[in-house]
C-alpha atoms as a PDB file:
ATOM      1  CA  MET A   1       0.000   0.000   0.000  1.00  0.00           C
ATOM      2  CA  LEU A   2       0.988   3.614  -0.552  1.00  0.00           C
ATOM      3  CA  SER A   3       2.989   5.170   2.290  1.00  0.00           C
ATOM      4  CA  ILE A   4       4.963   8.354   2.828  1.00  0.00           C
ATOM      5  CA  ALA A   5       8.146   6.299   2.676  1.00  0.00           C
ATOM      6  CA  ASP A   6       7.486   5.648  -1.015  1.00  0.00           C
ATOM      7  CA  PHE A   7       8.020   9.317  -1.855  1.00  0.00           C
ATOM      8  CA  PRO A   8      11.478  10.864  -2.307  1.00  0.00           C
ATOM      9  CA  LYS A   9      12.535  13.303   0.397  1.00  0.00           C
ATOM     10  CA  TYR A  10      13.850  16.736  -0.547  1.00  0.00           C
ATOM     11  CA  GLU A  11      16.078  18.746   1.742  1.00  0.00           C
ATOM     12  CA  ALA A  12      14.648  22.160   0.902  1.00  0.00           C
ATOM     13  CA  PHE A  13      11.497  23.658  -0.560  1.00  0.00           C
ATOM     14  CA  LYS A  14      10.647  27.051  -2.005  1.00  0.00           C
ATOM     15  CA  GLU A  15       7.489  28.940  -2.852  1.00  0.00           C
ATOM     16  CA  SER A  16       6.319  28.195  -6.380  1.00  0.00           C
ATOM     17  CA  GLY A  17       4.611  31.563  -6.728  1.00  0.00           C
ATOM     18  CA  VAL A  18       1.401  29.754  -7.692  1.00  0.00           C
ATOM     19  CA  ASP A  19      -1.211  29.593  -4.944  1.00  0.00           C
ATOM     20  CA  TRP A  20      -2.590  26.159  -5.886  1.00  0.00           C
ATOM     21  CA  LEU A  21       0.914  24.648  -6.224  1.00  0.00           C
ATOM     22  CA  GLY A  22       2.298  25.959  -2.959  1.00  0.00           C
ATOM     23  CA  GLY A  23       5.806  24.844  -2.029  1.00  0.00           C
ATOM     24  CA  ILE A  24       7.936  22.834  -4.460  1.00  0.00           C
ATOM     25  CA  PRO A  25      11.409  21.262  -4.131  1.00  0.00           C
ATOM     26  CA  SER A  26      14.124  23.908  -4.378  1.00  0.00           C
ATOM     27  CA  GLY A  27      15.566  22.308  -7.548  1.00  0.00           C
ATOM     28  CA  TRP A  28      12.266  22.519  -9.399  1.00  0.00           C
ATOM     29  CA  ASN A  29      11.051  25.469 -11.492  1.00  0.00           C
ATOM     30  CA  VAL A  30       7.733  26.733 -12.807  1.00  0.00           C
ATOM     31  CA  LYS A  31       7.283  27.663 -16.472  1.00  0.00           C
ATOM     32  CA  PRO A  32       4.323  28.489 -18.724  1.00  0.00           C
ATOM     33  CA  GLY A  33       2.544  25.579 -20.376  1.00  0.00           C
ATOM     34  CA  MET A  34       3.716  26.574 -23.850  1.00  0.00           C
ATOM     35  CA  VAL A  35       7.092  24.972 -23.081  1.00  0.00           C
ATOM     36  CA  ALA A  36       5.372  21.599 -22.523  1.00  0.00           C
ATOM     37  CA  PHE A  37       2.365  21.612 -24.883  1.00  0.00           C
ATOM     38  CA  THR A  38       1.700  22.332 -28.541  1.00  0.00           C
ATOM     39  CA  GLU A  39      -1.799  22.250 -29.973  1.00  0.00           C
ATOM     40  CA  SER A  40      -2.284  19.540 -32.597  1.00  0.00           C
ATOM     41  CA  LYS A  41      -4.969  20.300 -35.186  1.00  0.00           C
ATOM     42  CA  ARG A  42      -4.442  17.673 -37.894  1.00  0.00           C
ATOM     43  CA  ASP A  43      -7.712  16.827 -39.614  1.00  0.00           C
ATOM     44  CA  ASN A  44      -8.699  13.435 -41.007  1.00  0.00           C
ATOM     45  CA  ARG A  45      -9.398  14.697 -44.522  1.00  0.00           C
ATOM     46  CA  GLY A  46      -9.138  11.798 -46.952  1.00  0.00           C
ATOM     47  CA  MET A  47      -9.904   9.323 -44.136  1.00  0.00           C
ATOM     48  CA  LYS A  48      -6.281   8.758 -43.165  1.00  0.00           C
ATOM     49  CA  GLU A  49      -7.524   6.916 -40.057  1.00  0.00           C
ATOM     50  CA  SER A  50     -10.734   4.973 -39.324  1.00  0.00           C
ATOM     51  CA  ARG A  51     -10.234   3.940 -35.686  1.00  0.00           C
ATOM     52  CA  VAL A  52     -12.564   6.156 -33.630  1.00  0.00           C
ATOM     53  CA  LEU A  53     -11.453   7.112 -30.125  1.00  0.00           C
ATOM     54  CA  SER A  54     -13.515   8.417 -27.220  1.00  0.00           C
ATOM     55  CA  LEU A  55     -12.810  10.176 -23.902  1.00  0.00           C
ATOM     56  CA  SER A  56     -14.463   8.056 -21.227  1.00  0.00           C
ATOM     57  CA  TYR A  57     -14.007   8.516 -17.464  1.00  0.00           C
ATOM     58  CA  GLY A  58     -10.527   9.981 -17.869  1.00  0.00           C
ATOM     59  CA  ARG A  59      -9.361   7.356 -20.382  1.00  0.00           C
ATOM     60  CA  ILE A  60      -9.023   7.461 -24.161  1.00  0.00           C
ATOM     61  CA  ILE A  61     -10.619   4.257 -25.443  1.00  0.00           C
ATOM     62  CA  VAL A  62     -11.249   2.758 -28.868  1.00  0.00           C
ATOM     63  CA  LYS A  63     -14.973   3.107 -29.587  1.00  0.00           C
ATOM     64  CA  PRO A  64     -16.541  -0.240 -30.600  1.00  0.00           C
ATOM     65  CA  ASP A  65     -18.087  -0.364 -34.067  1.00  0.00           C
ATOM     66  CA  GLU A  66     -21.499  -1.271 -32.635  1.00  0.00           C
ATOM     67  CA  LYS A  67     -21.568   2.059 -30.778  1.00  0.00           C
ATOM     68  CA  LEU A  68     -20.906   4.102 -33.916  1.00  0.00           C
ATOM     69  CA  VAL A  69     -24.609   4.774 -34.325  1.00  0.00           C
ATOM     70  CA  GLY A  70     -26.932   7.608 -33.450  1.00  0.00           C
ATOM     71  CA  LEU A  71     -25.268  10.991 -33.047  1.00  0.00           C
ATOM     72  CA  VAL A  72     -22.279  10.455 -35.343  1.00  0.00           C
ATOM     73  CA  PRO A  73     -21.093  12.715 -38.172  1.00  0.00           C
ATOM     74  CA  GLU A  74     -21.863  11.992 -41.811  1.00  0.00           C
ATOM     75  CA  SER A  75     -18.124  11.719 -42.368  1.00  0.00           C
ATOM     76  CA  PHE A  76     -15.284  11.157 -39.933  1.00  0.00           C
ATOM     77  CA  GLU A  77     -13.145  13.402 -42.115  1.00  0.00           C
ATOM     78  CA  THR A  78     -14.118  16.228 -39.728  1.00  0.00           C
ATOM     79  CA  TYR A  79     -12.460  14.412 -36.842  1.00  0.00           C
ATOM     80  CA  GLN A  80      -8.839  15.109 -35.814  1.00  0.00           C
ATOM     81  CA  LEU A  81      -5.894  12.741 -35.835  1.00  0.00           C
ATOM     82  CA  VAL A  82      -4.541  11.397 -32.550  1.00  0.00           C
ATOM     83  CA  ASP A  83      -1.200   9.714 -31.865  1.00  0.00           C
ATOM     84  CA  PRO A  84      -0.165   7.681 -28.825  1.00  0.00           C
ATOM     85  CA  GLY A  85       1.091  10.112 -26.182  1.00  0.00           C
ATOM     86  CA  ASP A  86      -1.317  12.911 -27.119  1.00  0.00           C
ATOM     87  CA  ILE A  87      -3.344  14.390 -24.266  1.00  0.00           C
ATOM     88  CA  ILE A  88      -7.008  14.970 -25.065  1.00  0.00           C
ATOM     89  CA  VAL A  89      -9.004  17.609 -23.179  1.00  0.00           C
ATOM     90  CA  ARG A  90     -12.752  18.224 -23.177  1.00  0.00           C
ATOM     91  CA  CYS A  91     -12.832  21.993 -22.838  1.00  0.00           C
ATOM     92  CA  THR A  92     -16.504  22.923 -23.039  1.00  0.00           C
ATOM     93  CA  ASP A  93     -19.244  23.700 -20.519  1.00  0.00           C
ATOM     94  CA  LEU A  94     -17.194  23.917 -17.339  1.00  0.00           C
ATOM     95  CA  GLN A  95     -19.962  26.007 -15.797  1.00  0.00           C
ATOM     96  CA  ASN A  96     -22.548  23.204 -15.863  1.00  0.00           C
ATOM     97  CA  ASP A  97     -20.392  20.082 -15.492  1.00  0.00           C
ATOM     98  CA  GLN A  98     -17.861  19.947 -12.694  1.00  0.00           C
ATOM     99  CA  THR A  99     -17.971  16.185 -12.128  1.00  0.00           C
ATOM    100  CA  SER A 100     -16.748  14.647 -15.401  1.00  0.00           C
ATOM    101  CA  LEU A 101     -13.074  13.839 -15.913  1.00  0.00           C
ATOM    102  CA  ARG A 102     -11.872  16.110 -18.715  1.00  0.00           C
ATOM    103  CA  THR A 103      -8.404  14.833 -19.640  1.00  0.00           C
ATOM    104  CA  GLY A 104      -7.043  11.568 -20.971  1.00  0.00           C
ATOM    105  CA  LEU A 105      -3.809  10.148 -22.405  1.00  0.00           C
ATOM    106  CA  ALA A 106      -4.053   8.480 -25.820  1.00  0.00           C
ATOM    107  CA  LYS A 107      -2.471   5.034 -26.073  1.00  0.00           C
ATOM    108  CA  ASP A 108      -3.758   4.243 -29.569  1.00  0.00           C
ATOM    109  CA  LYS A 109      -3.499   5.880 -32.969  1.00  0.00           C
ATOM    110  CA  GLY A 110      -6.873   7.039 -34.261  1.00  0.00           C
ATOM    111  CA  ILE A 111      -9.316   9.929 -34.609  1.00  0.00           C
ATOM    112  CA  ILE A 112     -11.460  11.874 -32.148  1.00  0.00           C
ATOM    113  CA  THR A 113     -14.036  14.647 -32.419  1.00  0.00           C
ATOM    114  CA  SER A 114     -12.566  18.033 -33.240  1.00  0.00           C
ATOM    115  CA  ALA A 115     -14.626  19.477 -30.366  1.00  0.00           C
ATOM    116  CA  TYR A 116     -11.816  18.280 -28.079  1.00  0.00           C
ATOM    117  CA  LEU A 117      -8.411  19.915 -27.622  1.00  0.00           C
ATOM    118  CA  ASN A 118      -5.432  17.779 -28.628  1.00  0.00           C
ATOM    119  CA  LEU A 119      -2.216  18.631 -26.768  1.00  0.00           C
ATOM    120  CA  LYS A 120       1.040  17.340 -28.229  1.00  0.00           C
ATOM    121  CA  VAL A 121       3.688  16.972 -25.512  1.00  0.00           C
ATOM    122  CA  ASN A 122       6.924  18.732 -26.453  1.00  0.00           C
ATOM    123  CA  GLN A 123      10.413  17.243 -26.386  1.00  0.00           C
ATOM    124  CA  GLY A 124      11.904  17.336 -22.906  1.00  0.00           C
ATOM    125  CA  TYR A 125       8.613  16.414 -21.277  1.00  0.00           C
ATOM    126  CA  ASP A 126       7.220  12.952 -20.570  1.00  0.00           C
ATOM    127  CA  ALA A 127       3.646  12.458 -21.833  1.00  0.00           C
ATOM    128  CA  ARG A 128       2.671  10.165 -18.969  1.00  0.00           C
ATOM    129  CA  TYR A 129       3.956  12.637 -16.356  1.00  0.00           C
ATOM    130  CA  MET A 130       2.160  15.552 -18.002  1.00  0.00           C
ATOM    131  CA  HIS A 131      -1.006  13.456 -18.178  1.00  0.00           C
ATOM    132  CA  TYR A 132      -0.837  12.796 -14.424  1.00  0.00           C
ATOM    133  CA  TYR A 133      -0.148  16.496 -13.820  1.00  0.00           C
ATOM    134  CA  LEU A 134      -3.223  17.583 -15.782  1.00  0.00           C
ATOM    135  CA  HIS A 135      -5.279  14.794 -14.208  1.00  0.00           C
ATOM    136  CA  ALA A 136      -4.358  16.143 -10.760  1.00  0.00           C
ATOM    137  CA  LEU A 137      -5.429  19.650 -11.807  1.00  0.00           C
ATOM    138  CA  ASP A 138      -8.638  18.179 -13.228  1.00  0.00           C
ATOM    139  CA  THR A 139      -9.659  16.214 -10.127  1.00  0.00           C
ATOM    140  CA  SER A 140      -8.717  19.088  -7.786  1.00  0.00           C
ATOM    141  CA  LYS A 141     -10.774  21.454 -10.024  1.00  0.00           C
ATOM    142  CA  VAL A 142      -7.815  23.792 -10.617  1.00  0.00           C
ATOM    143  CA  LEU A 143      -8.560  23.647 -14.370  1.00  0.00           C
ATOM    144  CA  TYR A 144     -11.814  25.482 -13.705  1.00  0.00           C
ATOM    145  CA  LYS A 145      -9.823  28.573 -12.678  1.00  0.00           C
ATOM    146  CA  PHE A 146      -8.799  28.986 -16.331  1.00  0.00           C
ATOM    147  CA  GLY A 147     -12.187  28.777 -18.038  1.00  0.00           C
ATOM    148  CA  THR A 148     -13.359  31.840 -19.953  1.00  0.00           C
ATOM    149  CA  GLY A 149     -16.588  32.965 -21.580  1.00  0.00           C
ATOM    150  CA  LEU A 150     -20.209  32.672 -20.501  1.00  0.00           C
ATOM    151  CA  ARG A 151     -20.055  28.886 -20.155  1.00  0.00           C
ATOM    152  CA  GLN A 152     -16.415  28.789 -18.974  1.00  0.00           C
ATOM    153  CA  ASN A 153     -14.802  27.081 -21.955  1.00  0.00           C
ATOM    154  CA  LEU A 154     -11.102  26.232 -22.063  1.00  0.00           C
ATOM    155  CA  GLY A 155      -8.825  26.779 -25.050  1.00  0.00           C
ATOM    156  CA  TYR A 156      -5.201  26.247 -26.014  1.00  0.00           C
ATOM    157  CA  VAL A 157      -4.427  29.803 -24.857  1.00  0.00           C
ATOM    158  CA  ASP A 158      -5.316  28.674 -21.313  1.00  0.00           C
ATOM    159  CA  PHE A 159      -2.837  25.807 -21.510  1.00  0.00           C
ATOM    160  CA  LYS A 160      -0.138  28.070 -22.969  1.00  0.00           C
ATOM    161  CA  ARG A 161      -0.171  30.112 -19.769  1.00  0.00           C
ATOM    162  CA  LEU A 162      -0.934  27.228 -17.410  1.00  0.00           C
ATOM    163  CA  PRO A 163       1.958  26.928 -14.897  1.00  0.00           C
ATOM    164  CA  VAL A 164       3.792  23.620 -15.328  1.00  0.00           C
ATOM    165  CA  LEU A 165       6.688  22.137 -13.396  1.00  0.00           C
ATOM    166  CA  ASP A 166      10.046  22.143 -15.170  1.00  0.00           C
ATOM    167  CA  ILE A 167      12.079  19.189 -13.888  1.00  0.00           C
ATOM    168  CA  PRO A 168      14.578  16.822 -15.531  1.00  0.00           C
ATOM    169  CA  ILE A 169      13.009  14.324 -17.929  1.00  0.00           C
ATOM    170  CA  GLU A 170      14.413  11.360 -15.984  1.00  0.00           C
ATOM    171  CA  TRP A 171      12.584  12.591 -12.859  1.00  0.00           C
ATOM    172  CA  GLN A 172       9.364  12.883 -14.847  1.00  0.00           C
ATOM    173  CA  VAL A 173       9.745   9.320 -16.128  1.00  0.00           C
ATOM    174  CA  GLY A 174      10.464   8.060 -12.598  1.00  0.00           C
ATOM    175  CA  ILE A 175       7.404   9.812 -11.162  1.00  0.00           C
ATOM    176  CA  ALA A 176       5.180   8.466 -13.963  1.00  0.00           C
ATOM    177  CA  LYS A 177       6.409   4.886 -13.401  1.00  0.00           C
ATOM    178  CA  PHE A 178       5.839   5.251  -9.655  1.00  0.00           C
ATOM    179  CA  LEU A 179       2.284   6.488 -10.214  1.00  0.00           C
ATOM    180  CA  GLU A 180       1.511   3.735 -12.729  1.00  0.00           C
ATOM    181  CA  ARG A 181       2.634   1.102 -10.251  1.00  0.00           C
ATOM    182  CA  LYS A 182       0.809   2.583  -7.279  1.00  0.00           C
ATOM    183  CA  THR A 183      -2.433   3.424  -9.076  1.00  0.00           C
ATOM    184  CA  SER A 184      -2.476  -0.087 -10.550  1.00  0.00           C
ATOM    185  CA  GLN A 185      -2.153  -1.559  -7.037  1.00  0.00           C
ATOM    186  CA  ILE A 186      -4.912   0.704  -5.737  1.00  0.00           C
ATOM    187  CA  ASP A 187      -7.200  -0.128  -8.682  1.00  0.00           C
ATOM    188  CA  GLU A 188      -6.666  -3.823  -7.998  1.00  0.00           C
ATOM    189  CA  ALA A 189      -7.527  -3.338  -4.310  1.00  0.00           C
ATOM    190  CA  ILE A 190     -10.655  -1.367  -5.274  1.00  0.00           C
ATOM    191  CA  ALA A 191     -11.755  -4.137  -7.661  1.00  0.00           C
ATOM    192  CA  ILE A 192     -11.404  -6.743  -4.900  1.00  0.00           C
ATOM    193  CA  LYS A 193     -13.374  -4.586  -2.446  1.00  0.00           C
ATOM    194  CA  GLU A 194     -16.093  -3.924  -5.038  1.00  0.00           C
ATOM    195  CA  GLN A 195     -16.416  -7.673  -5.652  1.00  0.00           C
ATOM    196  CA  GLN A 196     -16.694  -8.277  -1.907  1.00  0.00           C
ATOM    197  CA  ILE A 197     -19.338  -5.532  -1.602  1.00  0.00           C
ATOM    198  CA  ALA A 198     -21.326  -7.038  -4.487  1.00  0.00           C
ATOM    199  CA  LEU A 199     -21.273 -10.461  -2.808  1.00  0.00           C
ATOM    200  CA  LEU A 200     -22.350  -8.959   0.520  1.00  0.00           C
ATOM    201  CA  LYS A 201     -25.219  -7.094  -1.165  1.00  0.00           C
ATOM    202  CA  GLU A 202     -26.315 -10.332  -2.829  1.00  0.00           C
ATOM    203  CA  ARG A 203     -26.136 -12.121   0.529  1.00  0.00           C
ATOM    204  CA  LYS A 204     -28.152  -9.320   2.134  1.00  0.00           C
ATOM    205  CA  GLN A 205     -30.904  -9.640  -0.477  1.00  0.00           C
ATOM    206  CA  ILE A 206     -31.046 -13.426  -0.051  1.00  0.00           C
ATOM    207  CA  ILE A 207     -31.406 -13.069   3.736  1.00  0.00           C
ATOM    208  CA  ILE A 208     -34.187 -10.490   3.342  1.00  0.00           C
ATOM    209  CA  GLN A 209     -35.990 -12.552   0.681  1.00  0.00           C
ATOM    210  CA  LYS A 210     -35.902 -15.762   2.730  1.00  0.00           C
ATOM    211  CA  ALA A 211     -36.940 -14.034   5.978  1.00  0.00           C
ATOM    212  CA  VAL A 212     -39.957 -12.211   4.535  1.00  0.00           C
ATOM    213  CA  THR A 213     -41.231 -15.145   2.438  1.00  0.00           C
ATOM    214  CA  GLN A 214     -40.284 -18.164   4.592  1.00  0.00           C
ATOM    215  CA  GLY A 215     -39.965 -16.852   8.144  1.00  0.00           C
ATOM    216  CA  LEU A 216     -37.226 -17.662  10.637  1.00  0.00           C
ATOM    217  CA  ASP A 217     -37.953 -21.310  11.444  1.00  0.00           C
ATOM    218  CA  PRO A 218     -36.244 -23.586   8.885  1.00  0.00           C
ATOM    219  CA  ASN A 219     -38.148 -26.638  10.191  1.00  0.00           C
ATOM    220  CA  VAL A 220     -41.706 -25.314   9.749  1.00  0.00           C
ATOM    221  CA  PRO A 221     -43.907 -27.247   7.239  1.00  0.00           C
ATOM    222  CA  MET A 222     -44.124 -25.458   3.874  1.00  0.00           C
ATOM    223  CA  LYS A 223     -46.688 -25.162   1.067  1.00  0.00           C
ATOM    224  CA  ASP A 224     -46.743 -23.759  -2.454  1.00  0.00           C
ATOM    225  CA  SER A 225     -47.731 -20.081  -2.392  1.00  0.00           C
ATOM    226  CA  GLY A 226     -49.132 -20.187  -5.917  1.00  0.00           C
ATOM    227  CA  VAL A 227     -46.923 -17.220  -6.839  1.00  0.00           C
ATOM    228  CA  ASP A 228     -43.881 -18.184  -8.910  1.00  0.00           C
ATOM    229  CA  TRP A 229     -41.565 -15.427  -7.607  1.00  0.00           C
ATOM    230  CA  ILE A 230     -42.422 -16.195  -3.971  1.00  0.00           C
ATOM    231  CA  GLY A 231     -42.238 -19.998  -4.117  1.00  0.00           C
ATOM    232  CA  GLU A 232     -42.981 -21.923  -0.942  1.00  0.00           C
ATOM    233  CA  ILE A 233     -44.281 -20.286   2.248  1.00  0.00           C
ATOM    234  CA  PRO A 234     -44.935 -21.622   5.771  1.00  0.00           C
ATOM    235  CA  GLU A 235     -48.035 -23.805   5.880  1.00  0.00           C
ATOM    236  CA  ARG A 236     -49.936 -21.443   8.191  1.00  0.00           C
ATOM    237  CA  TRP A 237     -49.259 -18.335   6.089  1.00  0.00           C
ATOM    238  CA  ASP A 238     -51.731 -16.996   3.520  1.00  0.00           C
ATOM    239  CA  ILE A 239     -51.419 -14.896   0.355  1.00  0.00           C
ATOM    240  CA  VAL A 240     -53.728 -11.855   0.271  1.00  0.00           C
ATOM    241  CA  PRO A 241     -54.082  -8.979  -2.230  1.00  0.00           C
ATOM    242  CA  ASN A 242     -52.107  -5.903  -1.225  1.00  0.00           C
ATOM    243  CA  LYS A 243     -55.280  -3.785  -1.063  1.00  0.00           C
ATOM    244  CA  LYS A 244     -55.944  -5.510   2.261  1.00  0.00           C
ATOM    245  CA  ILE A 245     -52.649  -4.144   3.612  1.00  0.00           C
ATOM    246  CA  PHE A 246     -52.085  -0.804   1.854  1.00  0.00           C
ATOM    247  CA  SER A 247     -54.380   2.182   1.448  1.00  0.00           C
ATOM    248  CA  LEU A 248     -53.693   4.778  -1.246  1.00  0.00           C
ATOM    249  CA  LYS A 249     -53.073   8.318   0.025  1.00  0.00           C
ATOM    250  CA  LYS A 250     -53.049  11.573  -1.946  1.00  0.00           C
ATOM    251  CA  ASN A 251     -53.121  14.451   0.504  1.00  0.00           C
ATOM    252  CA  LEU A 252     -51.728  17.552  -1.218  1.00  0.00           C
ATOM    253  CA  VAL A 253     -49.990  20.063   1.043  1.00  0.00           C
ATOM    254  CA  GLY A 254     -51.317  23.042  -0.953  1.00  0.00           C
ATOM    255  CA  LYS A 255     -50.554  26.439   0.536  1.00  0.00           C
ATOM    256  CA  LYS A 256     -49.279  24.831   3.760  1.00  0.00           C
ATOM    257  CA  SER A 257     -46.067  23.553   2.124  1.00  0.00           C
ATOM    258  CA  ALA A 258     -43.923  25.777   4.359  1.00  0.00           C
ATOM    259  CA  GLU A 259     -45.056  23.663   7.331  1.00  0.00           C
ATOM    260  CA  TYR A 260     -43.566  20.475   5.847  1.00  0.00           C
ATOM    261  CA  GLU A 261     -40.016  19.186   5.492  1.00  0.00           C
ATOM    262  CA  LEU A 262     -38.997  18.195   1.965  1.00  0.00           C
ATOM    263  CA  LEU A 263     -38.406  14.457   1.484  1.00  0.00           C
ATOM    264  CA  SER A 264     -36.822  12.450  -1.333  1.00  0.00           C
ATOM    265  CA  LEU A 265     -36.815   8.775  -2.387  1.00  0.00           C
ATOM    266  CA  THR A 266     -33.190   7.611  -2.776  1.00  0.00           C
ATOM    267  CA  LEU A 267     -31.071   4.468  -2.672  1.00  0.00           C
ATOM    268  CA  ARG A 268     -30.907   5.047   1.092  1.00  0.00           C
ATOM    269  CA  GLY A 269     -34.683   5.089   1.336  1.00  0.00           C
ATOM    270  CA  VAL A 270     -36.852   8.118   2.099  1.00  0.00           C
ATOM    271  CA  ILE A 271     -34.603  10.907   3.394  1.00  0.00           C
ATOM    272  CA  LYS A 272     -34.910  14.559   4.391  1.00  0.00           C
ATOM    273  CA  ARG A 273     -33.476  16.934   1.791  1.00  0.00           C
ATOM    274  CA  ASP A 274     -30.684  19.247   2.952  1.00  0.00           C
ATOM    275  CA  MET A 275     -32.205  22.640   2.264  1.00  0.00           C
ATOM    276  CA  GLU A 276     -29.237  24.530   3.733  1.00  0.00           C
ATOM    277  CA  ASN A 277     -27.094  23.180   0.875  1.00  0.00           C
ATOM    278  CA  PRO A 278     -29.716  22.482  -1.812  1.00  0.00           C
ATOM    279  CA  GLU A 279     -28.772  20.570  -4.964  1.00  0.00           C
ATOM    280  CA  GLY A 280     -30.848  19.938  -8.059  1.00  0.00           C
ATOM    281  CA  LYS A 281     -33.915  21.638  -9.474  1.00  0.00           C
ATOM    282  CA  PHE A 282     -36.938  22.786  -7.477  1.00  0.00           C
ATOM    283  CA  PRO A 283     -40.411  23.902  -8.590  1.00  0.00           C
ATOM    284  CA  ALA A 284     -41.605  27.492  -8.241  1.00  0.00           C
ATOM    285  CA  ASP A 285     -43.860  26.305  -5.409  1.00  0.00           C
ATOM    286  CA  PHE A 286     -44.616  23.019  -3.629  1.00  0.00           C
ATOM    287  CA  ASP A 287     -48.425  23.246  -3.680  1.00  0.00           C
ATOM    288  CA  THR A 288     -48.755  20.039  -5.719  1.00  0.00           C
ATOM    289  CA  TYR A 289     -46.518  18.031  -3.376  1.00  0.00           C
ATOM    290  CA  GLN A 290     -48.172  15.418  -1.170  1.00  0.00           C
ATOM    291  CA  GLU A 291     -48.059  14.644   2.503  1.00  0.00           C
ATOM    292  CA  VAL A 292     -45.977  11.753   3.843  1.00  0.00           C
ATOM    293  CA  ARG A 293     -46.230  10.449   7.396  1.00  0.00           C
ATOM    294  CA  ASP A 294     -43.879   8.312   9.459  1.00  0.00           C
ATOM    295  CA  GLY A 295     -44.641   4.707   8.476  1.00  0.00           C
ATOM    296  CA  ASP A 296     -45.928   5.497   4.980  1.00  0.00           C
ATOM    297  CA  PHE A 297     -44.560   3.687   1.924  1.00  0.00           C
ATOM    298  CA  VAL A 298     -43.397   5.766  -1.047  1.00  0.00           C
ATOM    299  CA  PHE A 299     -43.449   4.042  -4.443  1.00  0.00           C
ATOM    300  CA  CYS A 300     -41.899   5.148  -7.726  1.00  0.00           C
ATOM    301  CA  LEU A 301     -44.237   3.492 -10.251  1.00  0.00           C
ATOM    302  CA  PHE A 302     -42.786   5.056 -13.420  1.00  0.00           C
ATOM    303  CA  ASP A 303     -39.520   4.385 -15.312  1.00  0.00           C
ATOM    304  CA  VAL A 304     -39.114   1.267 -13.170  1.00  0.00           C
ATOM    305  CA  GLU A 305     -36.322  -0.153 -15.349  1.00  0.00           C
ATOM    306  CA  GLU A 306     -34.260   3.040 -14.979  1.00  0.00           C
ATOM    307  CA  THR A 307     -35.082   3.991 -11.387  1.00  0.00           C
ATOM    308  CA  PRO A 308     -32.526   2.619  -8.892  1.00  0.00           C
ATOM    309  CA  ARG A 309     -35.014   2.692  -6.006  1.00  0.00           C
ATOM    310  CA  ALA A 310     -38.683   1.766  -6.501  1.00  0.00           C
ATOM    311  CA  VAL A 311     -39.991   1.801  -2.916  1.00  0.00           C
ATOM    312  CA  GLY A 312     -39.037   3.213   0.465  1.00  0.00           C
ATOM    313  CA  LEU A 313     -40.469   3.231   3.993  1.00  0.00           C
ATOM    314  CA  SER A 314     -40.571   6.711   5.474  1.00  0.00           C
ATOM    315  CA  SER A 315     -39.495   7.325   9.064  1.00  0.00           C
ATOM    316  CA  HIS A 316     -40.206  11.051   8.701  1.00  0.00           C
ATOM    317  CA  ASP A 317     -43.185  13.354   8.429  1.00  0.00           C
ATOM    318  CA  GLY A 318     -42.918  15.655   5.421  1.00  0.00           C
ATOM    319  CA  MET A 319     -43.852  16.142   1.772  1.00  0.00           C
ATOM    320  CA  ILE A 320     -42.723  14.589  -1.488  1.00  0.00           C
ATOM    321  CA  THR A 321     -43.348  15.202  -5.188  1.00  0.00           C
ATOM    322  CA  GLY A 322     -46.784  14.223  -6.443  1.00  0.00           C
ATOM    323  CA  ALA A 323     -45.169  12.078  -9.123  1.00  0.00           C
ATOM    324  CA  TYR A 324     -44.646   9.365  -6.479  1.00  0.00           C
ATOM    325  CA  THR A 325     -47.393   7.159  -5.029  1.00  0.00           C
ATOM    326  CA  VAL A 326     -47.870   7.133  -1.265  1.00  0.00           C
ATOM    327  CA  PHE A 327     -49.487   4.231   0.580  1.00  0.00           C
ATOM    328  CA  GLY A 328     -50.372   3.948   4.231  1.00  0.00           C
ATOM    329  CA  ALA A 329     -50.106   0.535   5.908  1.00  0.00           C
ATOM    330  CA  ASP A 330     -53.131  -0.892   7.706  1.00  0.00           C
ATOM    331  CA  PRO A 331     -51.888  -1.848  11.194  1.00  0.00           C
ATOM    332  CA  GLY A 332     -54.671  -4.378  11.470  1.00  0.00           C
END
């Protein structure tokens, strides 16, 4: 695992003169990005290349042929040429999208949309090191300091004046190799943990399914429920229509919405919305929202295939959008 001992120790540091860089080793220098990057604008006129590349989650991947449908150009001659070692940047719409990863290092020869910026790494600089440098500025949101225009778009002029670290090429190569090794180890550890989490979630669902449909006594006599997705149930249990258990509610809050807390149906169930730090879109008023009481069930009965959470049990009093369906449970 990564530890502080893995990093080289420098005897002295100095101020970089760049607020978001802070202190740097005394032997390092800061220069404008034009020393490290040149804009590449080679078009694919004449279809010199046919392999289509795509920027996906911070990686430049080869786009499968089966995905070359829908919103694609009439001709890929308008695309730009990409060589291994080029750094691709998605420069548009910084104002509205601050979550996507915007940079990626090309490992394949091919073409990519001309809407992206293609940075050729100059001699004396290692492409992998510069990729990691820009990736760090991307994930720390430093790149957003350089956006211009109404929608905060980036351009090559921003990268020409972007401060970059000027260090010997052999140091750059060493840092890049170190990061490749460490990030690979971390990615492997993440994959193992994700597999373990998936197995635990599956186990959790099995436990819930068996408990609610078969009870807790493994030795109780069983009978066929008559419902294929339920299977067998304890002999003394009965199947009844849900209208005997749930009652539909549709109590609109109207002009009293200010008296209610705002609720939301999420993967964590029905939660209170944080109105001190609101995120997302809200209506002009909440008059059409409906009342929810502690113990009510909230169902999302539309877009079931796309909705990650279809039902939740509320432990709060509040209000929720009228698009959901609220049921009260009959305690009898």
